Amino acid sequence: CHYADSALLYVSAEQFIGKHVKSVLPEDLAILTLNKIAEAQE
């Protein structure tokens, strides 16, 4: 990740790098993120 303002992060970078979105983000946003990854991949 790259960020200019840490206040915009849901949790600190150390807490999410290397982890799956489902273990970091709220469920609805995690599902949305996975769907958008799949859409961009397709």
PDB file of all heavy atoms in Angstrom:
ATOM      1  N   CYS A   1       0.836  -1.198   0.000  1.00  0.00           N
ATOM      2  CA  CYS A   1       0.000   0.000   0.000  1.00  0.00           C
ATOM      3  C   CYS A   1       0.873   1.251   0.000  1.00  0.00           C
ATOM      4  O   CYS A   1       2.049   1.209   0.365  1.00  0.00           O
ATOM      5  CB  CYS A   1      -0.945   0.007   1.199  1.00  0.00           C
ATOM      6  SG  CYS A   1      -0.142   0.430   2.759  1.00  0.00           S
ATOM      7  N   HIS A   2       0.272   2.328  -0.442  1.00  0.00           N
ATOM      8  CA  HIS A   2       0.896   3.653  -0.378  1.00  0.00           C
ATOM      9  C   HIS A   2      -0.170   4.613   0.103  1.00  0.00           C
ATOM     10  O   HIS A   2      -1.307   4.574  -0.368  1.00  0.00           O
ATOM     11  CB  HIS A   2       1.413   4.098  -1.748  1.00  0.00           C
ATOM     12  CG  HIS A   2       1.666   5.574  -1.821  1.00  0.00           C
ATOM     13  ND1 HIS A   2       2.819   6.156  -1.345  1.00  0.00           N
ATOM     14  CD2 HIS A   2       0.899   6.593  -2.300  1.00  0.00           C
ATOM     15  CE1 HIS A   2       2.763   7.464  -1.527  1.00  0.00           C
ATOM     16  NE2 HIS A   2       1.606   7.759  -2.103  1.00  0.00           N
ATOM     17  N   TYR A   3       0.164   5.495   1.024  1.00  0.00           N
ATOM     18  CA  TYR A   3      -0.822   6.454   1.514  1.00  0.00           C
ATOM     19  C   TYR A   3      -0.120   7.753   1.889  1.00  0.00           C
ATOM     20  O   TYR A   3       1.028   7.769   2.318  1.00  0.00           O
ATOM     21  CB  TYR A   3      -1.591   5.896   2.716  1.00  0.00           C
ATOM     22  CG  TYR A   3      -0.714   5.476   3.872  1.00  0.00           C
ATOM     23  CD1 TYR A   3      -0.385   6.373   4.879  1.00  0.00           C
ATOM     24  CD2 TYR A   3      -0.211   4.172   3.952  1.00  0.00           C
ATOM     25  CE1 TYR A   3       0.412   5.995   5.941  1.00  0.00           C
ATOM     26  CE2 TYR A   3       0.595   3.790   5.013  1.00  0.00           C
ATOM     27  CZ  TYR A   3       0.908   4.697   6.001  1.00  0.00           C
ATOM     28  OH  TYR A   3       1.712   4.328   7.051  1.00  0.00           O
ATOM     29  N   ALA A   4      -0.864   8.850   1.704  1.00  0.00           N
ATOM     30  CA  ALA A   4      -0.360  10.158   2.096  1.00  0.00           C
ATOM     31  C   ALA A   4      -0.903  10.563   3.456  1.00  0.00           C
ATOM     32  O   ALA A   4      -0.297  11.358   4.164  1.00  0.00           O
ATOM     33  CB  ALA A   4      -0.743  11.204   1.043  1.00  0.00           C
ATOM     34  N   ASP A   5      -2.067  10.006   3.810  1.00  0.00           N
ATOM     35  CA  ASP A   5      -2.711  10.375   5.073  1.00  0.00           C
ATOM     36  C   ASP A   5      -3.176   9.110   5.780  1.00  0.00           C
ATOM     37  O   ASP A   5      -4.132   8.457   5.355  1.00  0.00           O
ATOM     38  CB  ASP A   5      -3.900  11.300   4.787  1.00  0.00           C
ATOM     39  CG  ASP A   5      -4.548  11.830   6.055  1.00  0.00           C
ATOM     40  OD1 ASP A   5      -4.107  11.454   7.161  1.00  0.00           O
ATOM     41  OD2 ASP A   5      -5.501  12.623   5.937  1.00  0.00           O
ATOM     42  N   SER A   6      -2.532   8.755   6.870  1.00  0.00           N
ATOM     43  CA  SER A   6      -2.875   7.534   7.605  1.00  0.00           C
ATOM     44  C   SER A   6      -4.262   7.612   8.234  1.00  0.00           C
ATOM     45  O   SER A   6      -4.854   6.584   8.578  1.00  0.00           O
ATOM     46  CB  SER A   6      -1.830   7.254   8.691  1.00  0.00           C
ATOM     47  OG  SER A   6      -1.793   8.325   9.631  1.00  0.00           O
ATOM     48  N   ALA A   7      -4.790   8.836   8.376  1.00  0.00           N
ATOM     49  CA  ALA A   7      -6.118   9.001   8.963  1.00  0.00           C
ATOM     50  C   ALA A   7      -7.213   8.427   8.067  1.00  0.00           C
ATOM     51  O   ALA A   7      -8.344   8.222   8.522  1.00  0.00           O
ATOM     52  CB  ALA A   7      -6.393  10.476   9.240  1.00  0.00           C
ATOM     53  N   LEU A   8      -6.879   8.174   6.797  1.00  0.00           N
ATOM     54  CA  LEU A   8      -7.854   7.622   5.860  1.00  0.00           C
ATOM     55  C   LEU A   8      -7.835   6.097   5.833  1.00  0.00           C
ATOM     56  O   LEU A   8      -8.645   5.478   5.146  1.00  0.00           O
ATOM     57  CB  LEU A   8      -7.604   8.164   4.446  1.00  0.00           C
ATOM     58  CG  LEU A   8      -7.738   9.681   4.270  1.00  0.00           C
ATOM     59  CD1 LEU A   8      -7.397  10.086   2.844  1.00  0.00           C
ATOM     60  CD2 LEU A   8      -9.157  10.136   4.632  1.00  0.00           C
ATOM     61  N   LEU A   9      -6.910   5.488   6.586  1.00  0.00           N
ATOM     62  CA  LEU A   9      -6.820   4.032   6.621  1.00  0.00           C
ATOM     63  C   LEU A   9      -7.785   3.466   7.661  1.00  0.00           C
ATOM     64  O   LEU A   9      -7.935   4.021   8.751  1.00  0.00           O
ATOM     65  CB  LEU A   9      -5.397   3.589   6.959  1.00  0.00           C
ATOM     66  CG  LEU A   9      -4.301   3.956   5.949  1.00  0.00           C
ATOM     67  CD1 LEU A   9      -2.949   3.456   6.468  1.00  0.00           C
ATOM     68  CD2 LEU A   9      -4.588   3.364   4.577  1.00  0.00           C
ATOM     69  N   TYR A  10      -8.407   2.352   7.318  1.00  0.00           N
ATOM     70  CA  TYR A  10      -9.343   1.687   8.229  1.00  0.00           C
ATOM     71  C   TYR A  10      -8.594   1.151   9.453  1.00  0.00           C
ATOM     72  O   TYR A  10      -9.046   1.294  10.588  1.00  0.00           O
ATOM     73  CB  TYR A  10     -10.052   0.554   7.492  1.00  0.00           C
ATOM     74  CG  TYR A  10     -11.110  -0.157   8.284  1.00  0.00           C
ATOM     75  CD1 TYR A  10     -12.231   0.535   8.758  1.00  0.00           C
ATOM     76  CD2 TYR A  10     -11.005  -1.514   8.554  1.00  0.00           C
ATOM     77  CE1 TYR A  10     -13.215  -0.117   9.492  1.00  0.00           C
ATOM     78  CE2 TYR A  10     -11.982  -2.182   9.277  1.00  0.00           C
ATOM     79  CZ  TYR A  10     -13.083  -1.474   9.746  1.00  0.00           C
ATOM     80  OH  TYR A  10     -14.058  -2.126  10.463  1.00  0.00           O
ATOM     81  N   VAL A  11      -7.439   0.525   9.194  1.00  0.00           N
ATOM     82  CA  VAL A  11      -6.496   0.116  10.248  1.00  0.00           C
ATOM     83  C   VAL A  11      -5.093   0.426   9.732  1.00  0.00           C
ATOM     84  O   VAL A  11      -4.906   0.710   8.549  1.00  0.00           O
ATOM     85  CB  VAL A  11      -6.620  -1.389  10.596  1.00  0.00           C
ATOM     86  CG1 VAL A  11      -7.970  -1.690  11.231  1.00  0.00           C
ATOM     87  CG2 VAL A  11      -6.402  -2.258   9.361  1.00  0.00           C
ATOM     88  N   SER A  12      -4.094   0.363  10.593  1.00  0.00           N
ATOM     89  CA  SER A  12      -2.731   0.671  10.166  1.00  0.00           C
ATOM     90  C   SER A  12      -2.237  -0.354   9.158  1.00  0.00           C
ATOM     91  O   SER A  12      -2.708  -1.502   9.124  1.00  0.00           O
ATOM     92  CB  SER A  12      -1.793   0.707  11.373  1.00  0.00           C
ATOM     93  OG  SER A  12      -1.667  -0.584  11.939  1.00  0.00           O
ATOM     94  N   ALA A  13      -1.284   0.060   8.321  1.00  0.00           N
ATOM     95  CA  ALA A  13      -0.756  -0.830   7.283  1.00  0.00           C
ATOM     96  C   ALA A  13      -0.209  -2.127   7.871  1.00  0.00           C
ATOM     97  O   ALA A  13      -0.365  -3.202   7.282  1.00  0.00           O
ATOM     98  CB  ALA A  13       0.333  -0.106   6.494  1.00  0.00           C
ATOM     99  N   GLU A  14       0.411  -2.041   9.035  1.00  0.00           N
ATOM    100  CA  GLU A  14       0.976  -3.233   9.664  1.00  0.00           C
ATOM    101  C   GLU A  14      -0.092  -4.268  10.002  1.00  0.00           C
ATOM    102  O   GLU A  14       0.190  -5.469  10.101  1.00  0.00           O
ATOM    103  CB  GLU A  14       1.724  -2.856  10.952  1.00  0.00           C
ATOM    104  CG  GLU A  14       2.971  -2.024  10.740  1.00  0.00           C
ATOM    105  CD  GLU A  14       2.674  -0.556  10.459  1.00  0.00           C
ATOM    106  OE1 GLU A  14       1.510  -0.128  10.662  1.00  0.00           O
ATOM    107  OE2 GLU A  14       3.601   0.156  10.026  1.00  0.00           O
ATOM    108  N   GLN A  15      -1.319  -3.799  10.150  1.00  0.00           N
ATOM    109  CA  GLN A  15      -2.410  -4.690  10.540  1.00  0.00           C
ATOM    110  C   GLN A  15      -3.092  -5.364   9.351  1.00  0.00           C
ATOM    111  O   GLN A  15      -3.872  -6.293   9.564  1.00  0.00           O
ATOM    112  CB  GLN A  15      -3.454  -3.919  11.357  1.00  0.00           C
ATOM    113  CG  GLN A  15      -2.964  -3.476  12.723  1.00  0.00           C
ATOM    114  CD  GLN A  15      -4.013  -2.675  13.454  1.00  0.00           C
ATOM    115  OE1 GLN A  15      -4.207  -1.486  13.218  1.00  0.00           O
ATOM    116  NE2 GLN A  15      -4.711  -3.326  14.372  1.00  0.00           N
ATOM    117  N   PHE A  16      -2.827  -4.883   8.128  1.00  0.00           N
ATOM    118  CA  PHE A  16      -3.521  -5.524   6.999  1.00  0.00           C
ATOM    119  C   PHE A  16      -2.605  -6.077   5.909  1.00  0.00           C
ATOM    120  O   PHE A  16      -3.032  -6.947   5.138  1.00  0.00           O
ATOM    121  CB  PHE A  16      -4.569  -4.590   6.392  1.00  0.00           C
ATOM    122  CG  PHE A  16      -4.036  -3.355   5.720  1.00  0.00           C
ATOM    123  CD1 PHE A  16      -3.474  -3.403   4.446  1.00  0.00           C
ATOM    124  CD2 PHE A  16      -4.122  -2.120   6.344  1.00  0.00           C
ATOM    125  CE1 PHE A  16      -3.006  -2.260   3.826  1.00  0.00           C
ATOM    126  CE2 PHE A  16      -3.659  -0.958   5.735  1.00  0.00           C
ATOM    127  CZ  PHE A  16      -3.098  -1.041   4.458  1.00  0.00           C
ATOM    128  N   ILE A  17      -1.363  -5.629   5.796  1.00  0.00           N
ATOM    129  CA  ILE A  17      -0.477  -6.173   4.767  1.00  0.00           C
ATOM    130  C   ILE A  17      -0.281  -7.674   4.990  1.00  0.00           C
ATOM    131  O   ILE A  17       0.029  -8.118   6.081  1.00  0.00           O
ATOM    132  CB  ILE A  17       0.891  -5.458   4.770  1.00  0.00           C
ATOM    133  CG1 ILE A  17       0.722  -3.980   4.410  1.00  0.00           C
ATOM    134  CG2 ILE A  17       1.846  -6.129   3.786  1.00  0.00           C
ATOM    135  CD1 ILE A  17       0.196  -3.729   3.019  1.00  0.00           C
ATOM    136  N   GLY A  18      -0.502  -8.444   3.931  1.00  0.00           N
ATOM    137  CA  GLY A  18      -0.352  -9.896   4.016  1.00  0.00           C
ATOM    138  C   GLY A  18      -1.613 -10.617   4.448  1.00  0.00           C
ATOM    139  O   GLY A  18      -1.637 -11.853   4.497  1.00  0.00           O
ATOM    140  N   LYS A  19      -2.667  -9.847   4.732  1.00  0.00           N
ATOM    141  CA  LYS A  19      -3.911 -10.467   5.185  1.00  0.00           C
ATOM    142  C   LYS A  19      -4.996 -10.386   4.102  1.00  0.00           C
ATOM    143  O   LYS A  19      -4.963  -9.534   3.231  1.00  0.00           O
ATOM    144  CB  LYS A  19      -4.412  -9.794   6.469  1.00  0.00           C
ATOM    145  CG  LYS A  19      -3.484 -10.020   7.654  1.00  0.00           C
ATOM    146  CD  LYS A  19      -4.055  -9.413   8.913  1.00  0.00           C
ATOM    147  CE  LYS A  19      -3.140  -9.647  10.100  1.00  0.00           C
ATOM    148  NZ  LYS A  19      -3.674  -9.048  11.351  1.00  0.00           N
ATOM    149  N   HIS A  20      -5.979 -11.266   4.210  1.00  0.00           N
ATOM    150  CA  HIS A  20      -7.089 -11.300   3.268  1.00  0.00           C
ATOM    151  C   HIS A  20      -8.093 -10.204   3.626  1.00  0.00           C
ATOM    152  O   HIS A  20      -8.276  -9.869   4.805  1.00  0.00           O
ATOM    153  CB  HIS A  20      -7.782 -12.665   3.331  1.00  0.00           C
ATOM    154  CG  HIS A  20      -8.679 -12.932   2.166  1.00  0.00           C
ATOM    155  ND1 HIS A  20      -9.986 -12.490   2.119  1.00  0.00           N
ATOM    156  CD2 HIS A  20      -8.458 -13.592   0.984  1.00  0.00           C
ATOM    157  CE1 HIS A  20     -10.531 -12.866   0.975  1.00  0.00           C
ATOM    158  NE2 HIS A  20      -9.631 -13.535   0.265  1.00  0.00           N
ATOM    159  N   VAL A  21      -8.733  -9.652   2.597  1.00  0.00           N
ATOM    160  CA  VAL A  21      -9.675  -8.541   2.831  1.00  0.00           C
ATOM    161  C   VAL A  21     -10.787  -8.935   3.803  1.00  0.00           C
ATOM    162  O   VAL A  21     -11.279  -8.106   4.568  1.00  0.00           O
ATOM    163  CB  VAL A  21     -10.278  -8.027   1.505  1.00  0.00           C
ATOM    164  CG1 VAL A  21      -9.223  -7.357   0.646  1.00  0.00           C
ATOM    165  CG2 VAL A  21     -10.974  -9.139   0.733  1.00  0.00           C
ATOM    166  N   LYS A  22     -11.181 -10.208   3.790  1.00  0.00           N
ATOM    167  CA  LYS A  22     -12.270 -10.644   4.665  1.00  0.00           C
ATOM    168  C   LYS A  22     -11.892 -10.612   6.139  1.00  0.00           C
ATOM    169  O   LYS A  22     -12.770 -10.536   7.000  1.00  0.00           O
ATOM    170  CB  LYS A  22     -12.728 -12.054   4.278  1.00  0.00           C
ATOM    171  CG  LYS A  22     -13.580 -12.103   3.023  1.00  0.00           C
ATOM    172  CD  LYS A  22     -14.187 -13.487   2.815  1.00  0.00           C
ATOM    173  CE  LYS A  22     -15.169 -13.494   1.665  1.00  0.00           C
ATOM    174  NZ  LYS A  22     -15.795 -14.830   1.467  1.00  0.00           N
ATOM    175  N   SER A  23     -10.603 -10.654   6.431  1.00  0.00           N
ATOM    176  CA  SER A  23     -10.164 -10.610   7.826  1.00  0.00           C
ATOM    177  C   SER A  23      -9.836  -9.192   8.277  1.00  0.00           C
ATOM    178  O   SER A  23      -9.468  -8.983   9.441  1.00  0.00           O
ATOM    179  CB  SER A  23      -8.940 -11.507   8.025  1.00  0.00           C
ATOM    180  OG  SER A  23      -7.819 -10.996   7.311  1.00  0.00           O
ATOM    181  N   VAL A  24      -9.969  -8.231   7.354  1.00  0.00           N
ATOM    182  CA  VAL A  24      -9.614  -6.848   7.676  1.00  0.00           C
ATOM    183  C   VAL A  24     -10.809  -5.906   7.557  1.00  0.00           C
ATOM    184  O   VAL A  24     -11.105  -5.138   8.480  1.00  0.00           O
ATOM    185  CB  VAL A  24      -8.482  -6.339   6.752  1.00  0.00           C
ATOM    186  CG1 VAL A  24      -8.185  -4.864   7.025  1.00  0.00           C
ATOM    187  CG2 VAL A  24      -7.228  -7.177   6.925  1.00  0.00           C
ATOM    188  N   LEU A  25     -11.508  -5.972   6.427  1.00  0.00           N
ATOM    189  CA  LEU A  25     -12.568  -5.011   6.116  1.00  0.00           C
ATOM    190  C   LEU A  25     -13.936  -5.500   6.599  1.00  0.00           C
ATOM    191  O   LEU A  25     -14.135  -6.705   6.805  1.00  0.00           O
ATOM    192  CB  LEU A  25     -12.621  -4.780   4.607  1.00  0.00           C
ATOM    193  CG  LEU A  25     -11.350  -4.237   3.947  1.00  0.00           C
ATOM    194  CD1 LEU A  25     -11.529  -4.176   2.437  1.00  0.00           C
ATOM    195  CD2 LEU A  25     -11.000  -2.860   4.494  1.00  0.00           C
ATOM    196  N   PRO A  26     -14.890  -4.567   6.757  1.00  0.00           N
ATOM    197  CA  PRO A  26     -16.269  -4.982   7.024  1.00  0.00           C
ATOM    198  C   PRO A  26     -16.743  -5.923   5.909  1.00  0.00           C
ATOM    199  O   PRO A  26     -16.297  -5.812   4.760  1.00  0.00           O
ATOM    200  CB  PRO A  26     -17.042  -3.658   7.005  1.00  0.00           C
ATOM    201  CG  PRO A  26     -16.024  -2.622   7.345  1.00  0.00           C
ATOM    202  CD  PRO A  26     -14.742  -3.097   6.737  1.00  0.00           C
ATOM    203  N   GLU A  27     -17.645  -6.816   6.251  1.00  0.00           N
ATOM    204  CA  GLU A  27     -18.040  -7.882   5.323  1.00  0.00           C
ATOM    205  C   GLU A  27     -18.527  -7.353   3.975  1.00  0.00           C
ATOM    206  O   GLU A  27     -18.127  -7.858   2.919  1.00  0.00           O
ATOM    207  CB  GLU A  27     -19.138  -8.749   5.949  1.00  0.00           C
ATOM    208  CG  GLU A  27     -19.548  -9.919   5.067  1.00  0.00           C
ATOM    209  CD  GLU A  27     -20.619 -10.778   5.719  1.00  0.00           C
ATOM    210  OE1 GLU A  27     -21.089 -10.422   6.815  1.00  0.00           O
ATOM    211  OE2 GLU A  27     -21.001 -11.806   5.120  1.00  0.00           O
ATOM    212  N   ASP A  28     -19.372  -6.318   3.998  1.00  0.00           N
ATOM    213  CA  ASP A  28     -19.923  -5.812   2.740  1.00  0.00           C
ATOM    214  C   ASP A  28     -18.833  -5.224   1.843  1.00  0.00           C
ATOM    215  O   ASP A  28     -18.841  -5.436   0.620  1.00  0.00           O
ATOM    216  CB  ASP A  28     -21.018  -4.776   2.996  1.00  0.00           C
ATOM    217  CG  ASP A  28     -20.536  -3.602   3.845  1.00  0.00           C
ATOM    218  OD1 ASP A  28     -19.489  -3.724   4.513  1.00  0.00           O
ATOM    219  OD2 ASP A  28     -21.220  -2.550   3.828  1.00  0.00           O
ATOM    220  N   LEU A  29     -17.874  -4.505   2.437  1.00  0.00           N
ATOM    221  CA  LEU A  29     -16.791  -3.924   1.645  1.00  0.00           C
ATOM    222  C   LEU A  29     -15.816  -4.995   1.166  1.00  0.00           C
ATOM    223  O   LEU A  29     -15.289  -4.910   0.049  1.00  0.00           O
ATOM    224  CB  LEU A  29     -16.055  -2.855   2.448  1.00  0.00           C
ATOM    225  CG  LEU A  29     -14.905  -2.147   1.730  1.00  0.00           C
ATOM    226  CD1 LEU A  29     -15.378  -1.546   0.398  1.00  0.00           C
ATOM    227  CD2 LEU A  29     -14.299  -1.065   2.607  1.00  0.00           C
ATOM    228  N   ALA A  30     -15.574  -6.006   1.983  1.00  0.00           N
ATOM    229  CA  ALA A  30     -14.696  -7.104   1.568  1.00  0.00           C
ATOM    230  C   ALA A  30     -15.273  -7.825   0.355  1.00  0.00           C
ATOM    231  O   ALA A  30     -14.560  -8.113  -0.616  1.00  0.00           O
ATOM    232  CB  ALA A  30     -14.514  -8.085   2.728  1.00  0.00           C
ATOM    233  N   ILE A  31     -16.584  -8.089   0.385  1.00  0.00           N
ATOM    234  CA  ILE A  31     -17.247  -8.755  -0.738  1.00  0.00           C
ATOM    235  C   ILE A  31     -17.198  -7.873  -1.984  1.00  0.00           C
ATOM    236  O   ILE A  31     -16.919  -8.349  -3.097  1.00  0.00           O
ATOM    237  CB  ILE A  31     -18.704  -9.100  -0.375  1.00  0.00           C
ATOM    238  CG1 ILE A  31     -18.727 -10.181   0.703  1.00  0.00           C
ATOM    239  CG2 ILE A  31     -19.476  -9.576  -1.606  1.00  0.00           C
ATOM    240  CD1 ILE A  31     -20.111 -10.464   1.269  1.00  0.00           C
ATOM    241  N   LEU A  32     -17.443  -6.571  -1.797  1.00  0.00           N
ATOM    242  CA  LEU A  32     -17.384  -5.634  -2.922  1.00  0.00           C
ATOM    243  C   LEU A  32     -15.983  -5.622  -3.536  1.00  0.00           C
ATOM    244  O   LEU A  32     -15.828  -5.655  -4.765  1.00  0.00           O
ATOM    245  CB  LEU A  32     -17.766  -4.227  -2.455  1.00  0.00           C
ATOM    246  CG  LEU A  32     -17.689  -3.113  -3.513  1.00  0.00           C
ATOM    247  CD1 LEU A  32     -18.688  -3.362  -4.642  1.00  0.00           C
ATOM    248  CD2 LEU A  32     -17.941  -1.747  -2.873  1.00  0.00           C
ATOM    249  N   THR A  33     -14.966  -5.588  -2.696  1.00  0.00           N
ATOM    250  CA  THR A  33     -13.575  -5.568  -3.174  1.00  0.00           C
ATOM    251  C   THR A  33     -13.251  -6.829  -3.977  1.00  0.00           C
ATOM    252  O   THR A  33     -12.668  -6.759  -5.061  1.00  0.00           O
ATOM    253  CB  THR A  33     -12.601  -5.434  -1.995  1.00  0.00           C
ATOM    254  OG1 THR A  33     -12.903  -4.251  -1.251  1.00  0.00           O
ATOM    255  CG2 THR A  33     -11.159  -5.356  -2.493  1.00  0.00           C
ATOM    256  N   LEU A  34     -13.651  -7.980  -3.453  1.00  0.00           N
ATOM    257  CA  LEU A  34     -13.403  -9.239  -4.157  1.00  0.00           C
ATOM    258  C   LEU A  34     -14.145  -9.277  -5.494  1.00  0.00           C
ATOM    259  O   LEU A  34     -13.602  -9.760  -6.503  1.00  0.00           O
ATOM    260  CB  LEU A  34     -13.837 -10.425  -3.283  1.00  0.00           C
ATOM    261  CG  LEU A  34     -12.988 -10.664  -2.036  1.00  0.00           C
ATOM    262  CD1 LEU A  34     -13.616 -11.748  -1.164  1.00  0.00           C
ATOM    263  CD2 LEU A  34     -11.557 -11.063  -2.415  1.00  0.00           C
ATOM    264  N   ASN A  35     -15.364  -8.757  -5.509  1.00  0.00           N
ATOM    265  CA  ASN A  35     -16.131  -8.717  -6.762  1.00  0.00           C
ATOM    266  C   ASN A  35     -15.461  -7.815  -7.796  1.00  0.00           C
ATOM    267  O   ASN A  35     -15.438  -8.137  -8.992  1.00  0.00           O
ATOM    268  CB  ASN A  35     -17.558  -8.226  -6.493  1.00  0.00           C
ATOM    269  CG  ASN A  35     -18.413  -9.258  -5.775  1.00  0.00           C
ATOM    270  OD1 ASN A  35     -18.087 -10.452  -5.778  1.00  0.00           O
ATOM    271  ND2 ASN A  35     -19.498  -8.825  -5.159  1.00  0.00           N
ATOM    272  N   LYS A  36     -14.901  -6.696  -7.347  1.00  0.00           N
ATOM    273  CA  LYS A  36     -14.252  -5.766  -8.271  1.00  0.00           C
ATOM    274  C   LYS A  36     -12.918  -6.318  -8.767  1.00  0.00           C
ATOM    275  O   LYS A  36     -12.521  -6.070  -9.909  1.00  0.00           O
ATOM    276  CB  LYS A  36     -14.061  -4.396  -7.609  1.00  0.00           C
ATOM    277  CG  LYS A  36     -15.379  -3.687  -7.296  1.00  0.00           C
ATOM    278  CD  LYS A  36     -16.266  -3.578  -8.516  1.00  0.00           C
ATOM    279  CE  LYS A  36     -17.619  -2.974  -8.199  1.00  0.00           C
ATOM    280  NZ  LYS A  36     -18.501  -2.882  -9.395  1.00  0.00           N
ATOM    281  N   ILE A  37     -12.211  -7.065  -7.918  1.00  0.00           N
ATOM    282  CA  ILE A  37     -10.988  -7.741  -8.364  1.00  0.00           C
ATOM    283  C   ILE A  37     -11.336  -8.740  -9.461  1.00  0.00           C
ATOM    284  O   ILE A  37     -10.674  -8.810 -10.504  1.00  0.00           O
ATOM    285  CB  ILE A  37     -10.291  -8.447  -7.179  1.00  0.00           C
ATOM    286  CG1 ILE A  37      -9.667  -7.413  -6.236  1.00  0.00           C
ATOM    287  CG2 ILE A  37      -9.207  -9.406  -7.695  1.00  0.00           C
ATOM    288  CD1 ILE A  37      -9.080  -8.015  -4.972  1.00  0.00           C
ATOM    289  N   ALA A  38     -12.412  -9.522  -9.225  1.00  0.00           N
ATOM    290  CA  ALA A  38     -12.846 -10.514 -10.212  1.00  0.00           C
ATOM    291  C   ALA A  38     -13.283  -9.842 -11.508  1.00  0.00           C
ATOM    292  O   ALA A  38     -12.982 -10.329 -12.613  1.00  0.00           O
ATOM    293  CB  ALA A  38     -13.989 -11.339  -9.638  1.00  0.00           C
ATOM    294  N   GLU A  39     -13.967  -8.705 -11.396  1.00  0.00           N
ATOM    295  CA  GLU A  39     -14.422  -7.989 -12.586  1.00  0.00           C
ATOM    296  C   GLU A  39     -13.241  -7.436 -13.384  1.00  0.00           C
ATOM    297  O   GLU A  39     -13.210  -7.526 -14.617  1.00  0.00           O
ATOM    298  CB  GLU A  39     -15.359  -6.846 -12.171  1.00  0.00           C
ATOM    299  CG  GLU A  39     -15.997  -6.115 -13.342  1.00  0.00           C
ATOM    300  CD  GLU A  39     -16.954  -5.022 -12.901  1.00  0.00           C
ATOM    301  OE1 GLU A  39     -17.337  -4.995 -11.701  1.00  0.00           O
ATOM    302  OE2 GLU A  39     -17.322  -4.178 -13.740  1.00  0.00           O
ATOM    303  N   ALA A  40     -12.272  -6.844 -12.668  1.00  0.00           N
ATOM    304  CA  ALA A  40     -11.081  -6.318 -13.343  1.00  0.00           C
ATOM    305  C   ALA A  40     -10.278  -7.442 -13.989  1.00  0.00           C
ATOM    306  O   ALA A  40      -9.699  -7.270 -15.070  1.00  0.00           O
ATOM    307  CB  ALA A  40     -10.212  -5.552 -12.346  1.00  0.00           C
ATOM    308  N   GLN A  41     -10.252  -8.603 -13.321  1.00  0.00           N
ATOM    309  CA  GLN A  41      -9.531  -9.752 -13.873  1.00  0.00           C
ATOM    310  C   GLN A  41     -10.214 -10.269 -15.137  1.00  0.00           C
ATOM    311  O   GLN A  41      -9.562 -10.588 -16.135  1.00  0.00           O
ATOM    312  CB  GLN A  41      -9.461 -10.867 -12.829  1.00  0.00           C
ATOM    313  CG  GLN A  41      -8.656 -12.079 -13.280  1.00  0.00           C
ATOM    314  CD  GLN A  41      -8.535 -13.120 -12.184  1.00  0.00           C
ATOM    315  OE1 GLN A  41      -9.371 -13.203 -11.291  1.00  0.00           O
ATOM    316  NE2 GLN A  41      -7.477 -13.909 -12.239  1.00  0.00           N
ATOM    317  N   GLU A  42     -11.538 -10.328 -15.108  1.00  0.00           N
ATOM    318  CA  GLU A  42     -12.287 -10.831 -16.263  1.00  0.00           C
ATOM    319  C   GLU A  42     -12.181  -9.882 -17.450  1.00  0.00           C
ATOM    320  O   GLU A  42     -11.968 -10.304 -18.588  1.00  0.00           O
ATOM    321  CB  GLU A  42     -13.750 -11.026 -15.878  1.00  0.00           C
ATOM    322  CG  GLU A  42     -14.618 -11.538 -17.020  1.00  0.00           C
ATOM    323  CD  GLU A  42     -16.080 -11.655 -16.628  1.00  0.00           C
ATOM    324  OE1 GLU A  42     -16.417 -11.413 -15.447  1.00  0.00           O
ATOM    325  OE2 GLU A  42     -16.888 -11.990 -17.508  1.00  0.00           O
TER     326      GLU A  42
END
